[in-house]
């Protein structure tokens, strides 16, 4: 199974770890604006 970009972005946002924040910046540089779906517990 392969996770889609929306899922990867949501999981990295939810973790909040510094490495994942860097990953999000790299993904945004490569793919442009990232799809941001509301994450329960993060965007309440």
PDB file of N, CA and C in Angstrom:
ATOM      1  N   UNK A   1       0.844  -1.167   0.000  1.00  0.00           N
ATOM      2  CA  UNK A   1       0.000   0.000   0.000  1.00  0.00           C
ATOM      3  C   UNK A   1       0.897   1.240   0.000  1.00  0.00           C
ATOM      4  N   UNK A   2       0.469   2.247  -0.715  1.00  0.00           N
ATOM      5  CA  UNK A   2       1.208   3.498  -0.812  1.00  0.00           C
ATOM      6  C   UNK A   2       0.298   4.630  -0.339  1.00  0.00           C
ATOM      7  N   UNK A   3       0.814   5.488   0.521  1.00  0.00           N
ATOM      8  CA  UNK A   3       0.042   6.628   1.009  1.00  0.00           C
ATOM      9  C   UNK A   3       0.094   7.753  -0.017  1.00  0.00           C
ATOM     10  N   UNK A   4      -1.034   8.418  -0.191  1.00  0.00           N
ATOM     11  CA  UNK A   4      -1.107   9.561  -1.082  1.00  0.00           C
ATOM     12  C   UNK A   4      -0.521  10.799  -0.418  1.00  0.00           C
ATOM     13  N   UNK A   5      -0.306  11.835  -1.207  1.00  0.00           N
ATOM     14  CA  UNK A   5       0.297  13.066  -0.704  1.00  0.00           C
ATOM     15  C   UNK A   5      -0.526  13.664   0.432  1.00  0.00           C
ATOM     16  N   UNK A   6      -1.855  13.671   0.314  1.00  0.00           N
ATOM     17  CA  UNK A   6      -2.712  14.223   1.377  1.00  0.00           C
ATOM     18  C   UNK A   6      -2.485  13.495   2.698  1.00  0.00           C
ATOM     19  N   UNK A   7      -2.380  12.188   2.635  1.00  0.00           N
ATOM     20  CA  UNK A   7      -2.176  11.392   3.847  1.00  0.00           C
ATOM     21  C   UNK A   7      -0.802  11.643   4.440  1.00  0.00           C
ATOM     22  N   UNK A   8       0.213  11.690   3.595  1.00  0.00           N
ATOM     23  CA  UNK A   8       1.576  11.942   4.067  1.00  0.00           C
ATOM     24  C   UNK A   8       1.652  13.308   4.745  1.00  0.00           C
ATOM     25  N   UNK A   9       1.062  14.312   4.127  1.00  0.00           N
ATOM     26  CA  UNK A   9       1.069  15.666   4.694  1.00  0.00           C
ATOM     27  C   UNK A   9       0.363  15.664   6.049  1.00  0.00           C
ATOM     28  N   UNK A  10      -0.794  15.038   6.129  1.00  0.00           N
ATOM     29  CA  UNK A  10      -1.547  15.004   7.387  1.00  0.00           C
ATOM     30  C   UNK A  10      -0.746  14.315   8.491  1.00  0.00           C
ATOM     31  N   UNK A  11      -0.130  13.190   8.191  1.00  0.00           N
ATOM     32  CA  UNK A  11       0.625  12.454   9.203  1.00  0.00           C
ATOM     33  C   UNK A  11       1.854  13.232   9.664  1.00  0.00           C
ATOM     34  N   UNK A  12       2.533  13.889   8.741  1.00  0.00           N
ATOM     35  CA  UNK A  12       3.710  14.672   9.113  1.00  0.00           C
ATOM     36  C   UNK A  12       3.309  15.895   9.935  1.00  0.00           C
ATOM     37  N   UNK A  13       2.195  16.521   9.601  1.00  0.00           N
ATOM     38  CA  UNK A  13       1.710  17.647  10.395  1.00  0.00           C
ATOM     39  C   UNK A  13       1.338  17.195  11.800  1.00  0.00           C
ATOM     40  N   UNK A  14       0.697  16.063  11.911  1.00  0.00           N
ATOM     41  CA  UNK A  14       0.244  15.564  13.199  1.00  0.00           C
ATOM     42  C   UNK A  14       1.414  15.199  14.105  1.00  0.00           C
ATOM     43  N   UNK A  15       2.475  14.662  13.542  1.00  0.00           N
ATOM     44  CA  UNK A  15       3.617  14.250  14.374  1.00  0.00           C
ATOM     45  C   UNK A  15       4.303  15.455  15.009  1.00  0.00           C
ATOM     46  N   UNK A  16       4.435  16.548  14.255  1.00  0.00           N
ATOM     47  CA  UNK A  16       5.048  17.759  14.783  1.00  0.00           C
ATOM     48  C   UNK A  16       6.549  17.677  15.033  1.00  0.00           C
ATOM     49  N   UNK A  17       7.173  16.586  14.644  1.00  0.00           N
ATOM     50  CA  UNK A  17       8.622  16.447  14.867  1.00  0.00           C
ATOM     51  C   UNK A  17       9.390  17.386  13.933  1.00  0.00           C
ATOM     52  N   UNK A  18      10.542  17.892  14.378  1.00  0.00           N
ATOM     53  CA  UNK A  18      11.331  18.797  13.533  1.00  0.00           C
ATOM     54  C   UNK A  18      11.648  18.190  12.156  1.00  0.00           C
ATOM     55  N   UNK A  19      12.015  16.924  12.105  1.00  0.00           N
ATOM     56  CA  UNK A  19      12.343  16.300  10.814  1.00  0.00           C
ATOM     57  C   UNK A  19      11.128  16.318   9.893  1.00  0.00           C
ATOM     58  N   UNK A  20       9.944  16.076  10.432  1.00  0.00           N
ATOM     59  CA  UNK A  20       8.741  16.072   9.601  1.00  0.00           C
ATOM     60  C   UNK A  20       8.386  17.469   9.118  1.00  0.00           C
ATOM     61  N   UNK A  21       8.645  18.489   9.949  1.00  0.00           N
ATOM     62  CA  UNK A  21       8.431  19.865   9.477  1.00  0.00           C
ATOM     63  C   UNK A  21       9.369  20.176   8.311  1.00  0.00           C
ATOM     64  N   UNK A  22      10.611  19.708   8.391  1.00  0.00           N
ATOM     65  CA  UNK A  22      11.554  19.886   7.278  1.00  0.00           C
ATOM     66  C   UNK A  22      11.067  19.135   6.044  1.00  0.00           C
ATOM     67  N   UNK A  23      10.568  17.923   6.246  1.00  0.00           N
ATOM     68  CA  UNK A  23      10.027  17.145   5.124  1.00  0.00           C
ATOM     69  C   UNK A  23       8.895  17.897   4.439  1.00  0.00           C
ATOM     70  N   UNK A  24       8.017  18.522   5.234  1.00  0.00           N
ATOM     71  CA  UNK A  24       6.907  19.277   4.651  1.00  0.00           C
ATOM     72  C   UNK A  24       7.416  20.445   3.805  1.00  0.00           C
ATOM     73  N   UNK A  25       8.444  21.120   4.283  1.00  0.00           N
ATOM     74  CA  UNK A  25       9.022  22.226   3.514  1.00  0.00           C
ATOM     75  C   UNK A  25       9.613  21.712   2.200  1.00  0.00           C
ATOM     76  N   UNK A  26      10.271  20.566   2.246  1.00  0.00           N
ATOM     77  CA  UNK A  26      10.845  19.981   1.030  1.00  0.00           C
ATOM     78  C   UNK A  26       9.743  19.539   0.062  1.00  0.00           C
ATOM     79  N   UNK A  27       8.690  18.942   0.590  1.00  0.00           N
ATOM     80  CA  UNK A  27       7.568  18.527  -0.260  1.00  0.00           C
ATOM     81  C   UNK A  27       6.926  19.740  -0.925  1.00  0.00           C
ATOM     82  N   UNK A  28       6.783  20.827  -0.165  1.00  0.00           N
ATOM     83  CA  UNK A  28       6.181  22.031  -0.722  1.00  0.00           C
ATOM     84  C   UNK A  28       7.064  22.642  -1.803  1.00  0.00           C
ATOM     85  N   UNK A  29       8.370  22.611  -1.605  1.00  0.00           N
ATOM     86  CA  UNK A  29       9.292  23.137  -2.615  1.00  0.00           C
ATOM     87  C   UNK A  29       9.193  22.333  -3.913  1.00  0.00           C
ATOM     88  N   UNK A  30       8.974  21.039  -3.774  1.00  0.00           N
ATOM     89  CA  UNK A  30       8.915  20.179  -4.959  1.00  0.00           C
ATOM     90  C   UNK A  30       7.540  20.153  -5.619  1.00  0.00           C
ATOM     91  N   UNK A  31       6.479  20.167  -4.808  1.00  0.00           N
ATOM     92  CA  UNK A  31       5.122  19.981  -5.333  1.00  0.00           C
ATOM     93  C   UNK A  31       4.279  21.247  -5.355  1.00  0.00           C
ATOM     94  N   UNK A  32       4.791  22.350  -4.810  1.00  0.00           N
ATOM     95  CA  UNK A  32       3.980  23.553  -4.700  1.00  0.00           C
ATOM     96  C   UNK A  32       3.115  23.482  -3.456  1.00  0.00           C
ATOM     97  N   UNK A  33       2.051  24.271  -3.451  1.00  0.00           N
ATOM     98  CA  UNK A  33       1.177  24.313  -2.275  1.00  0.00           C
ATOM     99  C   UNK A  33       0.664  22.917  -1.934  1.00  0.00           C
ATOM    100  N   UNK A  34       0.819  22.552  -0.670  1.00  0.00           N
ATOM    101  CA  UNK A  34       0.432  21.216  -0.242  1.00  0.00           C
ATOM    102  C   UNK A  34      -1.051  21.151   0.093  1.00  0.00           C
ATOM    103  N   UNK A  35      -1.666  19.984  -0.138  1.00  0.00           N
ATOM    104  CA  UNK A  35      -3.070  19.819   0.249  1.00  0.00           C
ATOM    105  C   UNK A  35      -3.160  19.706   1.772  1.00  0.00           C
ATOM    106  N   UNK A  36      -3.855  20.630   2.386  1.00  0.00           N
ATOM    107  CA  UNK A  36      -3.984  20.641   3.843  1.00  0.00           C
ATOM    108  C   UNK A  36      -5.431  20.313   4.191  1.00  0.00           C
ATOM    109  N   UNK A  37      -5.645  19.103   4.687  1.00  0.00           N
ATOM    110  CA  UNK A  37      -6.943  18.686   5.187  1.00  0.00           C
ATOM    111  C   UNK A  37      -6.949  18.851   6.688  1.00  0.00           C
ATOM    112  N   UNK A  38      -8.085  19.213   7.281  1.00  0.00           N
ATOM    113  CA  UNK A  38      -8.155  19.325   8.735  1.00  0.00           C
ATOM    114  C   UNK A  38      -7.780  17.995   9.395  1.00  0.00           C
ATOM    115  N   UNK A  39      -6.966  18.067  10.430  1.00  0.00           N
ATOM    116  CA  UNK A  39      -6.546  16.885  11.169  1.00  0.00           C
ATOM    117  C   UNK A  39      -7.156  16.975  12.566  1.00  0.00           C
ATOM    118  N   UNK A  40      -8.023  16.002  12.936  1.00  0.00           N
ATOM    119  CA  UNK A  40      -8.582  16.020  14.293  1.00  0.00           C
ATOM    120  C   UNK A  40      -7.452  16.007  15.331  1.00  0.00           C
ATOM    121  N   UNK A  41      -7.608  16.828  16.347  1.00  0.00           N
ATOM    122  CA  UNK A  41      -6.604  16.923  17.397  1.00  0.00           C
ATOM    123  C   UNK A  41      -5.529  17.957  17.093  1.00  0.00           C
ATOM    124  N   UNK A  42      -5.431  18.367  15.849  1.00  0.00           N
ATOM    125  CA  UNK A  42      -4.437  19.362  15.454  1.00  0.00           C
ATOM    126  C   UNK A  42      -5.128  20.652  15.043  1.00  0.00           C
ATOM    127  N   UNK A  43      -6.208  20.527  14.311  1.00  0.00           N
ATOM    128  CA  UNK A  43      -6.907  21.689  13.765  1.00  0.00           C
ATOM    129  C   UNK A  43      -8.281  21.899  14.393  1.00  0.00           C
ATOM    130  N   UNK A  44      -8.454  21.448  15.633  1.00  0.00           N
ATOM    131  CA  UNK A  44      -9.757  21.628  16.303  1.00  0.00           C
ATOM    132  C   UNK A  44      -9.955  23.065  16.692  1.00  0.00           C
TER     133      UNK A  44
END
